[in-house]
């Protein structure tokens, strides 16, 4: 990032966002992280669509921006 971008980022988010890079994980730890990411992704897609996403939507084969979304009141 350029210095100007870094300065703007620090003005906006200074001290509130911390970046942590992952260490090398064991196979079990990778599997646990992947399961948590999958569950989080499913919850986000379910919240956006208002229903359980299809397998094709999960894999990114169907465009969810073209789906009819559930209207909230």
N, C-alpha and C. Protein backbone atom coordinates (compact mmCIF):
# COMPACT_ATOMS: atom_id res chain seq x y z
N UNK A 1 0.85 -1.18 0.00
CA UNK A 1 0.00 0.00 0.00
C UNK A 1 0.88 1.23 0.00
N UNK A 2 0.37 2.27 -0.66
CA UNK A 2 1.05 3.54 -0.65
C UNK A 2 0.91 4.22 0.70
N UNK A 3 1.78 5.20 0.96
CA UNK A 3 1.76 5.88 2.25
C UNK A 3 0.44 6.59 2.49
N UNK A 4 -0.14 7.20 1.48
CA UNK A 4 -1.41 7.91 1.64
C UNK A 4 -2.54 6.95 2.03
N UNK A 5 -2.55 5.79 1.38
CA UNK A 5 -3.57 4.78 1.69
C UNK A 5 -3.40 4.30 3.11
N UNK A 6 -2.15 4.05 3.54
CA UNK A 6 -1.90 3.61 4.91
C UNK A 6 -2.37 4.66 5.91
N UNK A 7 -2.10 5.91 5.63
CA UNK A 7 -2.51 6.99 6.54
C UNK A 7 -4.03 7.06 6.64
N UNK A 8 -4.72 6.98 5.51
CA UNK A 8 -6.18 7.01 5.53
C UNK A 8 -6.75 5.80 6.28
N UNK A 9 -6.15 4.65 6.07
CA UNK A 9 -6.59 3.44 6.78
C UNK A 9 -6.41 3.61 8.28
N UNK A 10 -5.26 4.14 8.69
CA UNK A 10 -5.00 4.33 10.11
C UNK A 10 -5.92 5.38 10.72
N UNK A 11 -6.26 6.42 9.97
CA UNK A 11 -7.20 7.42 10.48
C UNK A 11 -8.57 6.80 10.71
N UNK A 12 -9.00 5.97 9.79
CA UNK A 12 -10.33 5.39 9.87
C UNK A 12 -10.42 4.26 10.88
N UNK A 13 -9.43 3.37 10.89
CA UNK A 13 -9.52 2.17 11.70
C UNK A 13 -8.41 2.05 12.74
N UNK A 14 -7.58 3.05 12.90
CA UNK A 14 -6.41 2.98 13.75
C UNK A 14 -6.64 2.33 15.10
N UNK A 15 -5.92 1.26 15.37
CA UNK A 15 -5.96 0.59 16.64
C UNK A 15 -7.13 -0.35 16.85
N UNK A 16 -8.11 -0.36 15.96
CA UNK A 16 -9.28 -1.21 16.14
C UNK A 16 -9.21 -2.50 15.34
N UNK A 17 -8.40 -2.54 14.31
CA UNK A 17 -8.27 -3.73 13.48
C UNK A 17 -6.83 -4.23 13.59
N UNK A 18 -6.72 -5.50 13.90
CA UNK A 18 -5.41 -6.10 14.02
C UNK A 18 -5.35 -7.30 13.08
N UNK A 19 -4.32 -7.38 12.29
CA UNK A 19 -4.16 -8.47 11.34
C UNK A 19 -3.27 -9.53 11.97
N UNK A 20 -3.75 -10.76 11.97
CA UNK A 20 -2.99 -11.87 12.52
C UNK A 20 -2.84 -12.90 11.41
N UNK A 21 -1.61 -13.21 11.09
CA UNK A 21 -1.35 -14.20 10.06
C UNK A 21 -1.29 -15.59 10.70
N UNK A 22 -1.89 -16.56 10.05
CA UNK A 22 -1.95 -17.92 10.58
C UNK A 22 -0.57 -18.56 10.54
N UNK A 23 -0.30 -19.32 11.56
CA UNK A 23 0.92 -20.12 11.60
C UNK A 23 0.63 -21.41 10.83
N UNK A 24 1.66 -22.18 10.58
CA UNK A 24 1.44 -23.46 9.92
C UNK A 24 0.60 -24.33 10.84
N UNK A 25 -0.48 -24.86 10.29
CA UNK A 25 -1.42 -25.64 11.08
C UNK A 25 -1.27 -27.13 10.79
N UNK A 26 -1.61 -27.93 11.77
CA UNK A 26 -1.62 -29.37 11.56
C UNK A 26 -2.85 -29.72 10.73
N UNK A 27 -2.94 -30.96 10.29
CA UNK A 27 -4.05 -31.41 9.46
C UNK A 27 -5.37 -31.27 10.22
N UNK A 28 -5.36 -31.64 11.51
CA UNK A 28 -6.57 -31.56 12.31
C UNK A 28 -7.02 -30.11 12.49
N UNK A 29 -6.05 -29.22 12.72
CA UNK A 29 -6.38 -27.80 12.89
C UNK A 29 -6.93 -27.20 11.60
N UNK A 30 -6.35 -27.58 10.46
CA UNK A 30 -6.85 -27.10 9.17
C UNK A 30 -8.29 -27.56 8.95
N UNK A 31 -8.57 -28.81 9.30
CA UNK A 31 -9.91 -29.35 9.12
C UNK A 31 -10.90 -28.60 10.01
N UNK A 32 -10.52 -28.30 11.24
CA UNK A 32 -11.38 -27.57 12.16
C UNK A 32 -11.65 -26.15 11.64
N UNK A 33 -10.61 -25.49 11.17
CA UNK A 33 -10.77 -24.14 10.62
C UNK A 33 -11.67 -24.17 9.39
N UNK A 34 -11.48 -25.15 8.52
CA UNK A 34 -12.31 -25.27 7.32
C UNK A 34 -13.77 -25.51 7.66
N UNK A 35 -14.03 -26.33 8.69
CA UNK A 35 -15.40 -26.58 9.11
C UNK A 35 -16.06 -25.31 9.65
N UNK A 36 -15.31 -24.54 10.44
CA UNK A 36 -15.85 -23.29 10.98
C UNK A 36 -16.14 -22.29 9.86
N UNK A 37 -15.24 -22.20 8.87
CA UNK A 37 -15.46 -21.31 7.74
C UNK A 37 -16.67 -21.74 6.93
N UNK A 38 -16.84 -23.03 6.74
CA UNK A 38 -17.97 -23.56 5.99
C UNK A 38 -19.29 -23.21 6.70
N UNK A 39 -19.33 -23.43 8.02
CA UNK A 39 -20.54 -23.12 8.78
C UNK A 39 -20.84 -21.62 8.72
N UNK A 40 -19.82 -20.79 8.84
CA UNK A 40 -20.03 -19.34 8.76
C UNK A 40 -20.55 -18.94 7.39
N UNK A 41 -19.97 -19.52 6.34
CA UNK A 41 -20.41 -19.20 4.98
C UNK A 41 -21.86 -19.63 4.76
N UNK A 42 -22.23 -20.80 5.30
CA UNK A 42 -23.60 -21.28 5.17
C UNK A 42 -24.58 -20.35 5.88
N UNK A 43 -24.21 -19.87 7.07
CA UNK A 43 -25.08 -18.96 7.81
C UNK A 43 -25.25 -17.63 7.07
N UNK A 44 -24.18 -17.13 6.49
CA UNK A 44 -24.26 -15.88 5.73
C UNK A 44 -25.15 -16.06 4.51
N UNK A 45 -24.93 -17.13 3.74
CA UNK A 45 -25.76 -17.37 2.56
C UNK A 45 -27.22 -17.59 2.94
N UNK A 46 -27.47 -18.31 4.02
CA UNK A 46 -28.84 -18.54 4.48
C UNK A 46 -29.50 -17.22 4.86
N UNK A 47 -28.74 -16.35 5.52
CA UNK A 47 -29.28 -15.04 5.90
C UNK A 47 -29.58 -14.17 4.69
N UNK A 48 -28.74 -14.22 3.69
CA UNK A 48 -28.95 -13.42 2.49
C UNK A 48 -30.13 -13.94 1.69
N UNK A 49 -30.18 -15.25 1.50
CA UNK A 49 -31.21 -15.84 0.65
C UNK A 49 -32.54 -16.03 1.37
N UNK A 50 -32.51 -16.14 2.70
CA UNK A 50 -33.72 -16.39 3.45
C UNK A 50 -34.15 -17.84 3.39
N UNK A 51 -33.23 -18.70 2.97
CA UNK A 51 -33.48 -20.14 2.86
C UNK A 51 -32.12 -20.82 2.83
N UNK A 52 -32.15 -22.13 2.88
CA UNK A 52 -30.89 -22.88 2.78
C UNK A 52 -30.38 -22.80 1.34
N UNK A 53 -29.10 -22.50 1.14
CA UNK A 53 -28.57 -22.44 -0.22
C UNK A 53 -28.46 -23.84 -0.84
N UNK A 54 -28.59 -23.89 -2.15
CA UNK A 54 -28.44 -25.15 -2.86
C UNK A 54 -26.96 -25.48 -3.00
N UNK A 55 -26.68 -26.72 -3.36
CA UNK A 55 -25.29 -27.15 -3.55
C UNK A 55 -24.61 -26.31 -4.62
N UNK A 56 -25.33 -26.00 -5.69
CA UNK A 56 -24.75 -25.20 -6.78
C UNK A 56 -24.44 -23.78 -6.32
N UNK A 57 -25.27 -23.23 -5.43
CA UNK A 57 -25.02 -21.89 -4.90
C UNK A 57 -23.81 -21.90 -3.97
N UNK A 58 -23.68 -22.96 -3.20
CA UNK A 58 -22.53 -23.09 -2.30
C UNK A 58 -21.23 -23.17 -3.09
N UNK A 59 -21.25 -23.92 -4.17
CA UNK A 59 -20.05 -24.10 -4.99
C UNK A 59 -19.76 -22.91 -5.90
N UNK A 60 -20.69 -21.95 -5.95
CA UNK A 60 -20.48 -20.77 -6.79
C UNK A 60 -20.86 -20.98 -8.23
N UNK A 61 -21.58 -22.06 -8.53
CA UNK A 61 -21.97 -22.33 -9.92
C UNK A 61 -23.19 -21.50 -10.32
N UNK A 62 -24.08 -21.22 -9.36
CA UNK A 62 -25.25 -20.39 -9.62
C UNK A 62 -25.02 -19.00 -9.02
N UNK A 63 -25.43 -17.99 -9.75
CA UNK A 63 -25.25 -16.61 -9.32
C UNK A 63 -26.35 -16.24 -8.32
N UNK A 64 -25.98 -15.99 -7.07
CA UNK A 64 -27.00 -15.68 -6.06
C UNK A 64 -27.51 -14.26 -6.19
N UNK A 65 -26.83 -13.42 -6.95
CA UNK A 65 -27.32 -12.05 -7.12
C UNK A 65 -28.58 -12.02 -7.98
N UNK A 66 -28.86 -13.10 -8.71
CA UNK A 66 -30.05 -13.18 -9.54
C UNK A 66 -31.22 -13.85 -8.82
N UNK A 67 -30.99 -14.38 -7.61
CA UNK A 67 -32.03 -15.06 -6.85
C UNK A 67 -32.99 -14.04 -6.23
N UNK A 68 -34.22 -14.47 -6.07
CA UNK A 68 -35.18 -13.63 -5.37
C UNK A 68 -34.91 -13.74 -3.89
N UNK A 69 -34.69 -12.59 -3.25
CA UNK A 69 -34.36 -12.58 -1.84
C UNK A 69 -35.62 -12.48 -1.00
N UNK A 70 -35.57 -13.05 0.18
CA UNK A 70 -36.68 -12.98 1.11
C UNK A 70 -36.74 -11.57 1.68
N UNK A 71 -37.90 -10.94 1.60
CA UNK A 71 -38.04 -9.58 2.11
C UNK A 71 -38.28 -9.64 3.62
N UNK A 72 -37.57 -8.78 4.34
CA UNK A 72 -37.75 -8.71 5.79
C UNK A 72 -38.62 -7.51 6.11
N UNK A 73 -39.41 -7.65 7.17
CA UNK A 73 -40.32 -6.57 7.53
C UNK A 73 -39.87 -5.90 8.79
